[in-house]
């Protein structure tokens, strides 16, 4: 079992934000702006869906890794920490999914 965590990946993305774009894909993606990173995130999400529909476990694994990476890049660009996202997930686990979803709908009306 790997000891690599999403916190590790978030730290790498943060460190590479200070690298040169010629040496770091992460830096070049960050420099390209939020729209470019968001587009890549969407593309990776679609690739995960395709892999799932095809039932290809190896592709699901690889595309999910890409999806998580691009999500963390977008979070970094947006100033949202992985800790914030995990805190929100933790908050949501205190109630049923149906109740949580209904509360979100009520908050947005």
PDB file of N, CA and C in Angstrom:
ATOM      1  N   UNK A   1       0.832  -1.180   0.000  1.00  0.00           N
ATOM      2  CA  UNK A   1       0.000   0.000   0.000  1.00  0.00           C
ATOM      3  C   UNK A   1       0.878   1.245   0.000  1.00  0.00           C
ATOM      4  N   UNK A   2       0.485   2.208  -0.804  1.00  0.00           N
ATOM      5  CA  UNK A   2       1.268   3.434  -0.909  1.00  0.00           C
ATOM      6  C   UNK A   2       1.024   4.355   0.279  1.00  0.00           C
ATOM      7  N   UNK A   3       2.005   5.137   0.575  1.00  0.00           N
ATOM      8  CA  UNK A   3       1.881   6.134   1.637  1.00  0.00           C
ATOM      9  C   UNK A   3       1.699   7.527   1.048  1.00  0.00           C
ATOM     10  N   UNK A   4       1.670   7.613  -0.267  1.00  0.00           N
ATOM     11  CA  UNK A   4       1.471   8.889  -0.949  1.00  0.00           C
ATOM     12  C   UNK A   4       0.038   9.341  -0.720  1.00  0.00           C
ATOM     13  N   UNK A   5      -0.132  10.601  -0.348  1.00  0.00           N
ATOM     14  CA  UNK A   5      -1.466  11.117  -0.043  1.00  0.00           C
ATOM     15  C   UNK A   5      -1.809  12.313  -0.936  1.00  0.00           C
ATOM     16  N   UNK A   6      -3.065  12.687  -0.913  1.00  0.00           N
ATOM     17  CA  UNK A   6      -3.473  13.904  -1.615  1.00  0.00           C
ATOM     18  C   UNK A   6      -2.813  15.129  -0.990  1.00  0.00           C
ATOM     19  N   UNK A   7      -2.526  15.080   0.307  1.00  0.00           N
ATOM     20  CA  UNK A   7      -1.774  16.168   0.934  1.00  0.00           C
ATOM     21  C   UNK A   7      -0.386  16.279   0.319  1.00  0.00           C
ATOM     22  N   UNK A   8       0.245  15.134   0.049  1.00  0.00           N
ATOM     23  CA  UNK A   8       1.555  15.141  -0.609  1.00  0.00           C
ATOM     24  C   UNK A   8       1.452  15.803  -1.977  1.00  0.00           C
ATOM     25  N   UNK A   9       0.430  15.432  -2.741  1.00  0.00           N
ATOM     26  CA  UNK A   9       0.249  15.993  -4.072  1.00  0.00           C
ATOM     27  C   UNK A   9      -0.025  17.489  -3.993  1.00  0.00           C
ATOM     28  N   UNK A  10      -0.849  17.915  -3.061  1.00  0.00           N
ATOM     29  CA  UNK A  10      -1.130  19.345  -2.895  1.00  0.00           C
ATOM     30  C   UNK A  10       0.144  20.109  -2.567  1.00  0.00           C
ATOM     31  N   UNK A  11       1.016  19.528  -1.750  1.00  0.00           N
ATOM     32  CA  UNK A  11       2.285  20.170  -1.399  1.00  0.00           C
ATOM     33  C   UNK A  11       3.201  20.266  -2.613  1.00  0.00           C
ATOM     34  N   UNK A  12       3.221  19.236  -3.449  1.00  0.00           N
ATOM     35  CA  UNK A  12       4.035  19.264  -4.671  1.00  0.00           C
ATOM     36  C   UNK A  12       3.524  20.355  -5.607  1.00  0.00           C
ATOM     37  N   UNK A  13       2.210  20.444  -5.774  1.00  0.00           N
ATOM     38  CA  UNK A  13       1.638  21.484  -6.639  1.00  0.00           C
ATOM     39  C   UNK A  13       2.003  22.858  -6.110  1.00  0.00           C
ATOM     40  N   UNK A  14       1.892  23.050  -4.817  1.00  0.00           N
ATOM     41  CA  UNK A  14       2.242  24.331  -4.207  1.00  0.00           C
ATOM     42  C   UNK A  14       3.715  24.672  -4.439  1.00  0.00           C
ATOM     43  N   UNK A  15       4.588  23.688  -4.277  1.00  0.00           N
ATOM     44  CA  UNK A  15       6.016  23.924  -4.495  1.00  0.00           C
ATOM     45  C   UNK A  15       6.317  24.233  -5.962  1.00  0.00           C
ATOM     46  N   UNK A  16       5.668  23.522  -6.856  1.00  0.00           N
ATOM     47  CA  UNK A  16       5.925  23.729  -8.286  1.00  0.00           C
ATOM     48  C   UNK A  16       5.339  25.036  -8.796  1.00  0.00           C
ATOM     49  N   UNK A  17       4.461  25.648  -8.034  1.00  0.00           N
ATOM     50  CA  UNK A  17       3.936  26.962  -8.409  1.00  0.00           C
ATOM     51  C   UNK A  17       5.050  27.998  -8.448  1.00  0.00           C
ATOM     52  N   UNK A  18       6.159  27.701  -7.792  1.00  0.00           N
ATOM     53  CA  UNK A  18       7.298  28.615  -7.755  1.00  0.00           C
ATOM     54  C   UNK A  18       8.409  28.208  -8.716  1.00  0.00           C
ATOM     55  N   UNK A  19       8.193  27.161  -9.491  1.00  0.00           N
ATOM     56  CA  UNK A  19       9.198  26.689 -10.453  1.00  0.00           C
ATOM     57  C   UNK A  19       9.090  27.501 -11.744  1.00  0.00           C
ATOM     58  N   UNK A  20       9.916  27.183 -12.690  1.00  0.00           N
ATOM     59  CA  UNK A  20       9.800  27.825 -13.999  1.00  0.00           C
ATOM     60  C   UNK A  20       8.853  27.007 -14.870  1.00  0.00           C
ATOM     61  N   UNK A  21       8.113  27.698 -15.707  1.00  0.00           N
ATOM     62  CA  UNK A  21       7.145  27.018 -16.567  1.00  0.00           C
ATOM     63  C   UNK A  21       7.833  26.071 -17.539  1.00  0.00           C
ATOM     64  N   UNK A  22       9.060  26.369 -17.916  1.00  0.00           N
ATOM     65  CA  UNK A  22       9.766  25.490 -18.843  1.00  0.00           C
ATOM     66  C   UNK A  22      10.174  24.174 -18.191  1.00  0.00           C
ATOM     67  N   UNK A  23      10.258  24.167 -16.862  1.00  0.00           N
ATOM     68  CA  UNK A  23      10.674  22.961 -16.150  1.00  0.00           C
ATOM     69  C   UNK A  23       9.508  22.220 -15.493  1.00  0.00           C
ATOM     70  N   UNK A  24       8.334  22.853 -15.441  1.00  0.00           N
ATOM     71  CA  UNK A  24       7.235  22.266 -14.683  1.00  0.00           C
ATOM     72  C   UNK A  24       5.916  22.404 -15.434  1.00  0.00           C
ATOM     73  N   UNK A  25       5.293  21.249 -15.729  1.00  0.00           N
ATOM     74  CA  UNK A  25       3.963  21.270 -16.333  1.00  0.00           C
ATOM     75  C   UNK A  25       2.977  21.958 -15.397  1.00  0.00           C
ATOM     76  N   UNK A  26       3.105  21.693 -14.104  1.00  0.00           N
ATOM     77  CA  UNK A  26       2.222  22.324 -13.132  1.00  0.00           C
ATOM     78  C   UNK A  26       2.302  23.836 -13.231  1.00  0.00           C
ATOM     79  N   UNK A  27       3.501  24.367 -13.262  1.00  0.00           N
ATOM     80  CA  UNK A  27       3.675  25.820 -13.349  1.00  0.00           C
ATOM     81  C   UNK A  27       3.100  26.354 -14.657  1.00  0.00           C
ATOM     82  N   UNK A  28       3.315  25.645 -15.758  1.00  0.00           N
ATOM     83  CA  UNK A  28       2.772  26.123 -17.033  1.00  0.00           C
ATOM     84  C   UNK A  28       1.247  26.097 -17.006  1.00  0.00           C
ATOM     85  N   UNK A  29       0.664  25.107 -16.354  1.00  0.00           N
ATOM     86  CA  UNK A  29      -0.792  25.035 -16.229  1.00  0.00           C
ATOM     87  C   UNK A  29      -1.309  26.167 -15.343  1.00  0.00           C
ATOM     88  N   UNK A  30      -0.628  26.429 -14.252  1.00  0.00           N
ATOM     89  CA  UNK A  30      -1.011  27.532 -13.381  1.00  0.00           C
ATOM     90  C   UNK A  30      -0.902  28.865 -14.114  1.00  0.00           C
ATOM     91  N   UNK A  31       0.162  29.031 -14.879  1.00  0.00           N
ATOM     92  CA  UNK A  31       0.366  30.277 -15.621  1.00  0.00           C
ATOM     93  C   UNK A  31      -0.670  30.481 -16.725  1.00  0.00           C
ATOM     94  N   UNK A  32      -1.210  29.392 -17.246  1.00  0.00           N
ATOM     95  CA  UNK A  32      -2.190  29.483 -18.329  1.00  0.00           C
ATOM     96  C   UNK A  32      -3.540  30.004 -17.828  1.00  0.00           C
ATOM     97  N   UNK A  33      -3.746  29.995 -16.537  1.00  0.00           N
ATOM     98  CA  UNK A  33      -4.951  30.567 -15.968  1.00  0.00           C
ATOM     99  C   UNK A  33      -5.990  29.539 -15.572  1.00  0.00           C
ATOM    100  N   UNK A  34      -6.952  30.026 -14.827  1.00  0.00           N
ATOM    101  CA  UNK A  34      -7.988  29.161 -14.272  1.00  0.00           C
ATOM    102  C   UNK A  34      -8.821  28.482 -15.354  1.00  0.00           C
ATOM    103  N   UNK A  35      -9.127  29.215 -16.430  1.00  0.00           N
ATOM    104  CA  UNK A  35      -9.960  28.624 -17.485  1.00  0.00           C
ATOM    105  C   UNK A  35      -9.268  27.409 -18.094  1.00  0.00           C
ATOM    106  N   UNK A  36      -7.971  27.494 -18.331  1.00  0.00           N
ATOM    107  CA  UNK A  36      -7.230  26.366 -18.918  1.00  0.00           C
ATOM    108  C   UNK A  36      -7.207  25.184 -17.956  1.00  0.00           C
ATOM    109  N   UNK A  37      -6.932  25.443 -16.688  1.00  0.00           N
ATOM    110  CA  UNK A  37      -6.894  24.359 -15.701  1.00  0.00           C
ATOM    111  C   UNK A  37      -8.281  23.742 -15.536  1.00  0.00           C
ATOM    112  N   UNK A  38      -9.311  24.564 -15.543  1.00  0.00           N
ATOM    113  CA  UNK A  38     -10.678  24.046 -15.421  1.00  0.00           C
ATOM    114  C   UNK A  38     -11.041  23.190 -16.632  1.00  0.00           C
ATOM    115  N   UNK A  39     -10.603  23.604 -17.806  1.00  0.00           N
ATOM    116  CA  UNK A  39     -10.858  22.815 -19.014  1.00  0.00           C
ATOM    117  C   UNK A  39     -10.186  21.448 -18.900  1.00  0.00           C
ATOM    118  N   UNK A  40      -8.941  21.432 -18.435  1.00  0.00           N
ATOM    119  CA  UNK A  40      -8.231  20.160 -18.253  1.00  0.00           C
ATOM    120  C   UNK A  40      -8.954  19.294 -17.222  1.00  0.00           C
ATOM    121  N   UNK A  41      -9.451  19.892 -16.154  1.00  0.00           N
ATOM    122  CA  UNK A  41     -10.198  19.152 -15.143  1.00  0.00           C
ATOM    123  C   UNK A  41     -11.423  18.500 -15.772  1.00  0.00           C
ATOM    124  N   UNK A  42     -12.134  19.243 -16.582  1.00  0.00           N
ATOM    125  CA  UNK A  42     -13.315  18.695 -17.255  1.00  0.00           C
ATOM    126  C   UNK A  42     -12.963  17.565 -18.199  1.00  0.00           C
ATOM    127  N   UNK A  43     -11.874  17.731 -18.954  1.00  0.00           N
ATOM    128  CA  UNK A  43     -11.439  16.678 -19.875  1.00  0.00           C
ATOM    129  C   UNK A  43     -11.115  15.400 -19.118  1.00  0.00           C
ATOM    130  N   UNK A  44     -10.433  15.547 -17.995  1.00  0.00           N
ATOM    131  CA  UNK A  44     -10.070  14.359 -17.201  1.00  0.00           C
ATOM    132  C   UNK A  44     -11.308  13.697 -16.614  1.00  0.00           C
ATOM    133  N   UNK A  45     -12.290  14.489 -16.213  1.00  0.00           N
ATOM    134  CA  UNK A  45     -13.536  13.917 -15.683  1.00  0.00           C
ATOM    135  C   UNK A  45     -14.222  13.076 -16.751  1.00  0.00           C
ATOM    136  N   UNK A  46     -14.248  13.589 -17.977  1.00  0.00           N
ATOM    137  CA  UNK A  46     -14.859  12.838 -19.083  1.00  0.00           C
ATOM    138  C   UNK A  46     -14.075  11.551 -19.329  1.00  0.00           C
ATOM    139  N   UNK A  47     -12.759  11.614 -19.269  1.00  0.00           N
ATOM    140  CA  UNK A  47     -11.941  10.419 -19.497  1.00  0.00           C
ATOM    141  C   UNK A  47     -12.185   9.364 -18.409  1.00  0.00           C
ATOM    142  N   UNK A  48     -12.419   9.801 -17.176  1.00  0.00           N
ATOM    143  CA  UNK A  48     -12.774   8.846 -16.115  1.00  0.00           C
ATOM    144  C   UNK A  48     -14.107   8.190 -16.450  1.00  0.00           C
ATOM    145  N   UNK A  49     -15.074   8.985 -16.851  1.00  0.00           N
ATOM    146  CA  UNK A  49     -16.387   8.438 -17.196  1.00  0.00           C
ATOM    147  C   UNK A  49     -16.297   7.416 -18.323  1.00  0.00           C
ATOM    148  N   UNK A  50     -15.515   7.720 -19.338  1.00  0.00           N
ATOM    149  CA  UNK A  50     -15.346   6.785 -20.456  1.00  0.00           C
ATOM    150  C   UNK A  50     -14.729   5.486 -19.960  1.00  0.00           C
ATOM    151  N   UNK A  51     -13.692   5.592 -19.127  1.00  0.00           N
ATOM    152  CA  UNK A  51     -13.043   4.392 -18.588  1.00  0.00           C
ATOM    153  C   UNK A  51     -14.019   3.569 -17.765  1.00  0.00           C
ATOM    154  N   UNK A  52     -14.866   4.238 -16.986  1.00  0.00           N
ATOM    155  CA  UNK A  52     -15.867   3.531 -16.181  1.00  0.00           C
ATOM    156  C   UNK A  52     -16.853   2.813 -17.093  1.00  0.00           C
ATOM    157  N   UNK A  53     -17.338   3.502 -18.114  1.00  0.00           N
ATOM    158  CA  UNK A  53     -18.310   2.904 -19.031  1.00  0.00           C
ATOM    159  C   UNK A  53     -17.713   1.698 -19.760  1.00  0.00           C
ATOM    160  N   UNK A  54     -16.400   1.750 -20.015  1.00  0.00           N
ATOM    161  CA  UNK A  54     -15.725   0.631 -20.678  1.00  0.00           C
ATOM    162  C   UNK A  54     -15.335  -0.475 -19.708  1.00  0.00           C
ATOM    163  N   UNK A  55     -15.449  -0.202 -18.418  1.00  0.00           N
ATOM    164  CA  UNK A  55     -15.097  -1.206 -17.420  1.00  0.00           C
ATOM    165  C   UNK A  55     -13.613  -1.499 -17.345  1.00  0.00           C
ATOM    166  N   UNK A  56     -12.790  -0.522 -17.680  1.00  0.00           N
ATOM    167  CA  UNK A  56     -11.339  -0.697 -17.721  1.00  0.00           C
ATOM    168  C   UNK A  56     -10.717  -0.184 -16.422  1.00  0.00           C
ATOM    169  N   UNK A  57     -10.470  -1.096 -15.497  1.00  0.00           N
ATOM    170  CA  UNK A  57      -9.983  -0.722 -14.171  1.00  0.00           C
ATOM    171  C   UNK A  57      -8.649   0.026 -14.232  1.00  0.00           C
ATOM    172  N   UNK A  58      -7.742  -0.397 -15.099  1.00  0.00           N
ATOM    173  CA  UNK A  58      -6.443   0.283 -15.207  1.00  0.00           C
ATOM    174  C   UNK A  58      -6.633   1.713 -15.705  1.00  0.00           C
ATOM    175  N   UNK A  59      -7.489   1.897 -16.706  1.00  0.00           N
ATOM    176  CA  UNK A  59      -7.754   3.242 -17.221  1.00  0.00           C
ATOM    177  C   UNK A  59      -8.462   4.095 -16.170  1.00  0.00           C
ATOM    178  N   UNK A  60      -9.374   3.495 -15.410  1.00  0.00           N
ATOM    179  CA  UNK A  60     -10.047   4.230 -14.338  1.00  0.00           C
ATOM    180  C   UNK A  60      -9.019   4.736 -13.333  1.00  0.00           C
ATOM    181  N   UNK A  61      -8.073   3.880 -12.987  1.00  0.00           N
ATOM    182  CA  UNK A  61      -7.018   4.261 -12.045  1.00  0.00           C
ATOM    183  C   UNK A  61      -6.189   5.422 -12.581  1.00  0.00           C
ATOM    184  N   UNK A  62      -5.712   5.293 -13.799  1.00  0.00           N
ATOM    185  CA  UNK A  62      -4.850   6.320 -14.395  1.00  0.00           C
ATOM    186  C   UNK A  62      -5.599   7.635 -14.604  1.00  0.00           C
ATOM    187  N   UNK A  63      -6.793   7.548 -15.124  1.00  0.00           N
ATOM    188  CA  UNK A  63      -7.565   8.771 -15.384  1.00  0.00           C
ATOM    189  C   UNK A  63      -8.010   9.425 -14.077  1.00  0.00           C
ATOM    190  N   UNK A  64      -8.283   8.630 -13.057  1.00  0.00           N
ATOM    191  CA  UNK A  64      -8.637   9.197 -11.755  1.00  0.00           C
ATOM    192  C   UNK A  64      -7.458   9.944 -11.149  1.00  0.00           C
ATOM    193  N   UNK A  65      -6.259   9.414 -11.331  1.00  0.00           N
ATOM    194  CA  UNK A  65      -5.062  10.117 -10.862  1.00  0.00           C
ATOM    195  C   UNK A  65      -4.939  11.466 -11.565  1.00  0.00           C
ATOM    196  N   UNK A  66      -5.169  11.481 -12.878  1.00  0.00           N
ATOM    197  CA  UNK A  66      -5.138  12.743 -13.626  1.00  0.00           C
ATOM    198  C   UNK A  66      -6.208  13.701 -13.128  1.00  0.00           C
ATOM    199  N   UNK A  67      -7.399  13.175 -12.875  1.00  0.00           N
ATOM    200  CA  UNK A  67      -8.508  13.993 -12.400  1.00  0.00           C
ATOM    201  C   UNK A  67      -8.183  14.626 -11.045  1.00  0.00           C
ATOM    202  N   UNK A  68      -7.670  13.835 -10.119  1.00  0.00           N
ATOM    203  CA  UNK A  68      -7.325  14.362  -8.804  1.00  0.00           C
ATOM    204  C   UNK A  68      -6.233  15.420  -8.896  1.00  0.00           C
ATOM    205  N   UNK A  69      -5.229  15.172  -9.730  1.00  0.00           N
ATOM    206  CA  UNK A  69      -4.162  16.157  -9.924  1.00  0.00           C
ATOM    207  C   UNK A  69      -4.734  17.478 -10.428  1.00  0.00           C
ATOM    208  N   UNK A  70      -5.545  17.413 -11.482  1.00  0.00           N
ATOM    209  CA  UNK A  70      -6.088  18.645 -12.054  1.00  0.00           C
ATOM    210  C   UNK A  70      -7.066  19.329 -11.097  1.00  0.00           C
ATOM    211  N   UNK A  71      -7.792  18.559 -10.291  1.00  0.00           N
ATOM    212  CA  UNK A  71      -8.652  19.163  -9.278  1.00  0.00           C
ATOM    213  C   UNK A  71      -7.813  19.945  -8.273  1.00  0.00           C
ATOM    214  N   UNK A  72      -6.720  19.368  -7.837  1.00  0.00           N
ATOM    215  CA  UNK A  72      -5.864  20.052  -6.869  1.00  0.00           C
ATOM    216  C   UNK A  72      -5.217  21.295  -7.472  1.00  0.00           C
ATOM    217  N   UNK A  73      -4.905  21.273  -8.765  1.00  0.00           N
ATOM    218  CA  UNK A  73      -4.381  22.478  -9.423  1.00  0.00           C
ATOM    219  C   UNK A  73      -5.437  23.580  -9.398  1.00  0.00           C
ATOM    220  N   UNK A  74      -6.678  23.234  -9.748  1.00  0.00           N
ATOM    221  CA  UNK A  74      -7.770  24.217  -9.754  1.00  0.00           C
ATOM    222  C   UNK A  74      -8.013  24.739  -8.333  1.00  0.00           C
ATOM    223  N   UNK A  75      -7.990  23.858  -7.360  1.00  0.00           N
ATOM    224  CA  UNK A  75      -8.149  24.309  -5.979  1.00  0.00           C
ATOM    225  C   UNK A  75      -7.045  25.293  -5.609  1.00  0.00           C
ATOM    226  N   UNK A  76      -5.803  24.964  -5.963  1.00  0.00           N
ATOM    227  CA  UNK A  76      -4.671  25.841  -5.673  1.00  0.00           C
ATOM    228  C   UNK A  76      -4.882  27.211  -6.318  1.00  0.00           C
ATOM    229  N   UNK A  77      -5.261  27.213  -7.578  1.00  0.00           N
ATOM    230  CA  UNK A  77      -5.495  28.479  -8.281  1.00  0.00           C
ATOM    231  C   UNK A  77      -6.606  29.293  -7.637  1.00  0.00           C
ATOM    232  N   UNK A  78      -7.572  28.615  -7.073  1.00  0.00           N
ATOM    233  CA  UNK A  78      -8.744  29.276  -6.494  1.00  0.00           C
ATOM    234  C   UNK A  78      -8.543  29.669  -5.035  1.00  0.00           C
ATOM    235  N   UNK A  79      -7.407  29.304  -4.481  1.00  0.00           N
ATOM    236  CA  UNK A  79      -7.137  29.627  -3.083  1.00  0.00           C
ATOM    237  C   UNK A  79      -7.927  28.778  -2.100  1.00  0.00           C
ATOM    238  N   UNK A  80      -8.358  27.610  -2.557  1.00  0.00           N
ATOM    239  CA  UNK A  80      -9.095  26.676  -1.706  1.00  0.00           C
ATOM    240  C   UNK A  80      -8.158  25.534  -1.347  1.00  0.00           C
ATOM    241  N   UNK A  81      -8.004  25.277  -0.074  1.00  0.00           N
ATOM    242  CA  UNK A  81      -7.078  24.222   0.345  1.00  0.00           C
ATOM    243  C   UNK A  81      -7.761  22.864   0.363  1.00  0.00           C
ATOM    244  N   UNK A  82      -6.957  21.844   0.233  1.00  0.00           N
ATOM    245  CA  UNK A  82      -7.464  20.481   0.372  1.00  0.00           C
ATOM    246  C   UNK A  82      -8.036  20.292   1.771  1.00  0.00           C
ATOM    247  N   UNK A  83      -7.448  20.930   2.748  1.00  0.00           N
ATOM    248  CA  UNK A  83      -7.952  20.870   4.120  1.00  0.00           C
ATOM    249  C   UNK A  83      -9.380  21.420   4.201  1.00  0.00           C
ATOM    250  N   UNK A  84      -9.634  22.508   3.473  1.00  0.00           N
ATOM    251  CA  UNK A  84     -10.993  23.075   3.446  1.00  0.00           C
ATOM    252  C   UNK A  84     -11.986  22.079   2.857  1.00  0.00           C
ATOM    253  N   UNK A  85     -11.592  21.429   1.776  1.00  0.00           N
ATOM    254  CA  UNK A  85     -12.472  20.457   1.123  1.00  0.00           C
ATOM    255  C   UNK A  85     -12.720  19.272   2.055  1.00  0.00           C
ATOM    256  N   UNK A  86     -11.668  18.795   2.701  1.00  0.00           N
ATOM    257  CA  UNK A  86     -11.824  17.668   3.626  1.00  0.00           C
ATOM    258  C   UNK A  86     -12.692  18.052   4.823  1.00  0.00           C
ATOM    259  N   UNK A  87     -12.565  19.285   5.291  1.00  0.00           N
ATOM    260  CA  UNK A  87     -13.422  19.746   6.393  1.00  0.00           C
ATOM    261  C   UNK A  87     -14.881  19.761   5.967  1.00  0.00           C
ATOM    262  N   UNK A  88     -15.142  20.169   4.735  1.00  0.00           N
ATOM    263  CA  UNK A  88     -16.511  20.154   4.226  1.00  0.00           C
ATOM    264  C   UNK A  88     -17.033  18.728   4.114  1.00  0.00           C
ATOM    265  N   UNK A  89     -16.204  17.820   3.639  1.00  0.00           N
ATOM    266  CA  UNK A  89     -16.613  16.420   3.571  1.00  0.00           C
ATOM    267  C   UNK A  89     -16.901  15.866   4.963  1.00  0.00           C
ATOM    268  N   UNK A  90     -16.046  16.205   5.910  1.00  0.00           N
ATOM    269  CA  UNK A  90     -16.259  15.751   7.286  1.00  0.00           C
ATOM    270  C   UNK A  90     -17.572  16.296   7.840  1.00  0.00           C
ATOM    271  N   UNK A  91     -17.856  17.571   7.568  1.00  0.00           N
ATOM    272  CA  UNK A  91     -19.099  18.176   8.029  1.00  0.00           C
ATOM    273  C   UNK A  91     -20.297  17.428   7.458  1.00  0.00           C
ATOM    274  N   UNK A  92     -20.207  17.066   6.188  1.00  0.00           N
ATOM    275  CA  UNK A  92     -21.315  16.390   5.519  1.00  0.00           C
ATOM    276  C   UNK A  92     -21.552  14.979   6.019  1.00  0.00           C
ATOM    277  N   UNK A  93     -20.535  14.327   6.551  1.00  0.00           N
ATOM    278  CA  UNK A  93     -20.709  12.946   6.997  1.00  0.00           C
ATOM    279  C   UNK A  93     -21.507  12.858   8.292  1.00  0.00           C
ATOM    280  N   UNK A  94     -21.803  13.999   8.907  1.00  0.00           N
ATOM    281  CA  UNK A  94     -22.573  14.008  10.131  1.00  0.00           C
ATOM    282  C   UNK A  94     -24.063  13.822   9.908  1.00  0.00           C
ATOM    283  N   UNK A  95     -24.479  13.744   8.653  1.00  0.00           N
ATOM    284  CA  UNK A  95     -25.894  13.559   8.344  1.00  0.00           C
ATOM    285  C   UNK A  95     -26.026  12.661   7.123  1.00  0.00           C
ATOM    286  N   UNK A  96     -27.237  12.223   6.869  1.00  0.00           N
ATOM    287  CA  UNK A  96     -27.426  11.362   5.703  1.00  0.00           C
ATOM    288  C   UNK A  96     -27.210  12.172   4.430  1.00  0.00           C
ATOM    289  N   UNK A  97     -26.839  11.509   3.364  1.00  0.00           N
ATOM    290  CA  UNK A  97     -26.636  12.173   2.083  1.00  0.00           C
ATOM    291  C   UNK A  97     -27.890  12.858   1.585  1.00  0.00           C
ATOM    292  N   UNK A  98     -29.040  12.241   1.806  1.00  0.00           N
ATOM    293  CA  UNK A  98     -30.311  12.844   1.375  1.00  0.00           C
ATOM    294  C   UNK A  98     -30.574  14.144   2.134  1.00  0.00           C
ATOM    295  N   UNK A  99     -30.354  14.131   3.438  1.00  0.00           N
ATOM    296  CA  UNK A  99     -30.589  15.328   4.255  1.00  0.00           C
ATOM    297  C   UNK A  99     -29.604  16.425   3.884  1.00  0.00           C
ATOM    298  N   UNK A 100     -28.351  16.061   3.661  1.00  0.00           N
ATOM    299  CA  UNK A 100     -27.336  17.051   3.298  1.00  0.00           C
ATOM    300  C   UNK A 100     -27.679  17.702   1.972  1.00  0.00           C
ATOM    301  N   UNK A 101     -28.069  16.907   1.000  1.00  0.00           N
ATOM    302  CA  UNK A 101     -28.410  17.424  -0.325  1.00  0.00           C
ATOM    303  C   UNK A 101     -29.623  18.345  -0.242  1.00  0.00           C
ATOM    304  N   UNK A 102     -30.623  17.977   0.534  1.00  0.00           N
ATOM    305  CA  UNK A 102     -31.816  18.814   0.705  1.00  0.00           C
ATOM    306  C   UNK A 102     -31.444  20.135   1.371  1.00  0.00           C
ATOM    307  N   UNK A 103     -30.540  20.100   2.318  1.00  0.00           N
ATOM    308  CA  UNK A 103     -30.104  21.338   2.991  1.00  0.00           C
ATOM    309  C   UNK A 103     -29.373  22.261   2.024  1.00  0.00           C
ATOM    310  N   UNK A 104     -28.566  21.694   1.126  1.00  0.00           N
ATOM    311  CA  UNK A 104     -27.872  22.514   0.122  1.00  0.00           C
ATOM    312  C   UNK A 104     -28.870  23.185  -0.796  1.00  0.00           C
ATOM    313  N   UNK A 105     -29.897  22.446  -1.218  1.00  0.00           N
ATOM    314  CA  UNK A 105     -30.938  23.019  -2.086  1.00  0.00           C
ATOM    315  C   UNK A 105     -31.644  24.165  -1.369  1.00  0.00           C
ATOM    316  N   UNK A 106     -31.948  23.994  -0.113  1.00  0.00           N
ATOM    317  CA  UNK A 106     -32.638  25.019   0.668  1.00  0.00           C
ATOM    318  C   UNK A 106     -31.760  26.267   0.827  1.00  0.00           C
ATOM    319  N   UNK A 107     -30.434  26.064   0.942  1.00  0.00           N
ATOM    320  CA  UNK A 107     -29.504  27.189   1.089  1.00  0.00           C
ATOM    321  C   UNK A 107     -29.396  28.017  -0.187  1.00  0.00           C
ATOM    322  N   UNK A 108     -29.671  27.424  -1.324  1.00  0.00           N
ATOM    323  CA  UNK A 108     -29.495  28.103  -2.618  1.00  0.00           C
ATOM    324  C   UNK A 108     -30.791  28.680  -3.168  1.00  0.00           C
ATOM    325  N   UNK A 109     -31.852  28.663  -2.375  1.00  0.00           N
ATOM    326  CA  UNK A 109     -33.123  29.217  -2.867  1.00  0.00           C
ATOM    327  C   UNK A 109     -33.372  30.595  -2.314  1.00  0.00           C
TER     328      UNK A 109
END
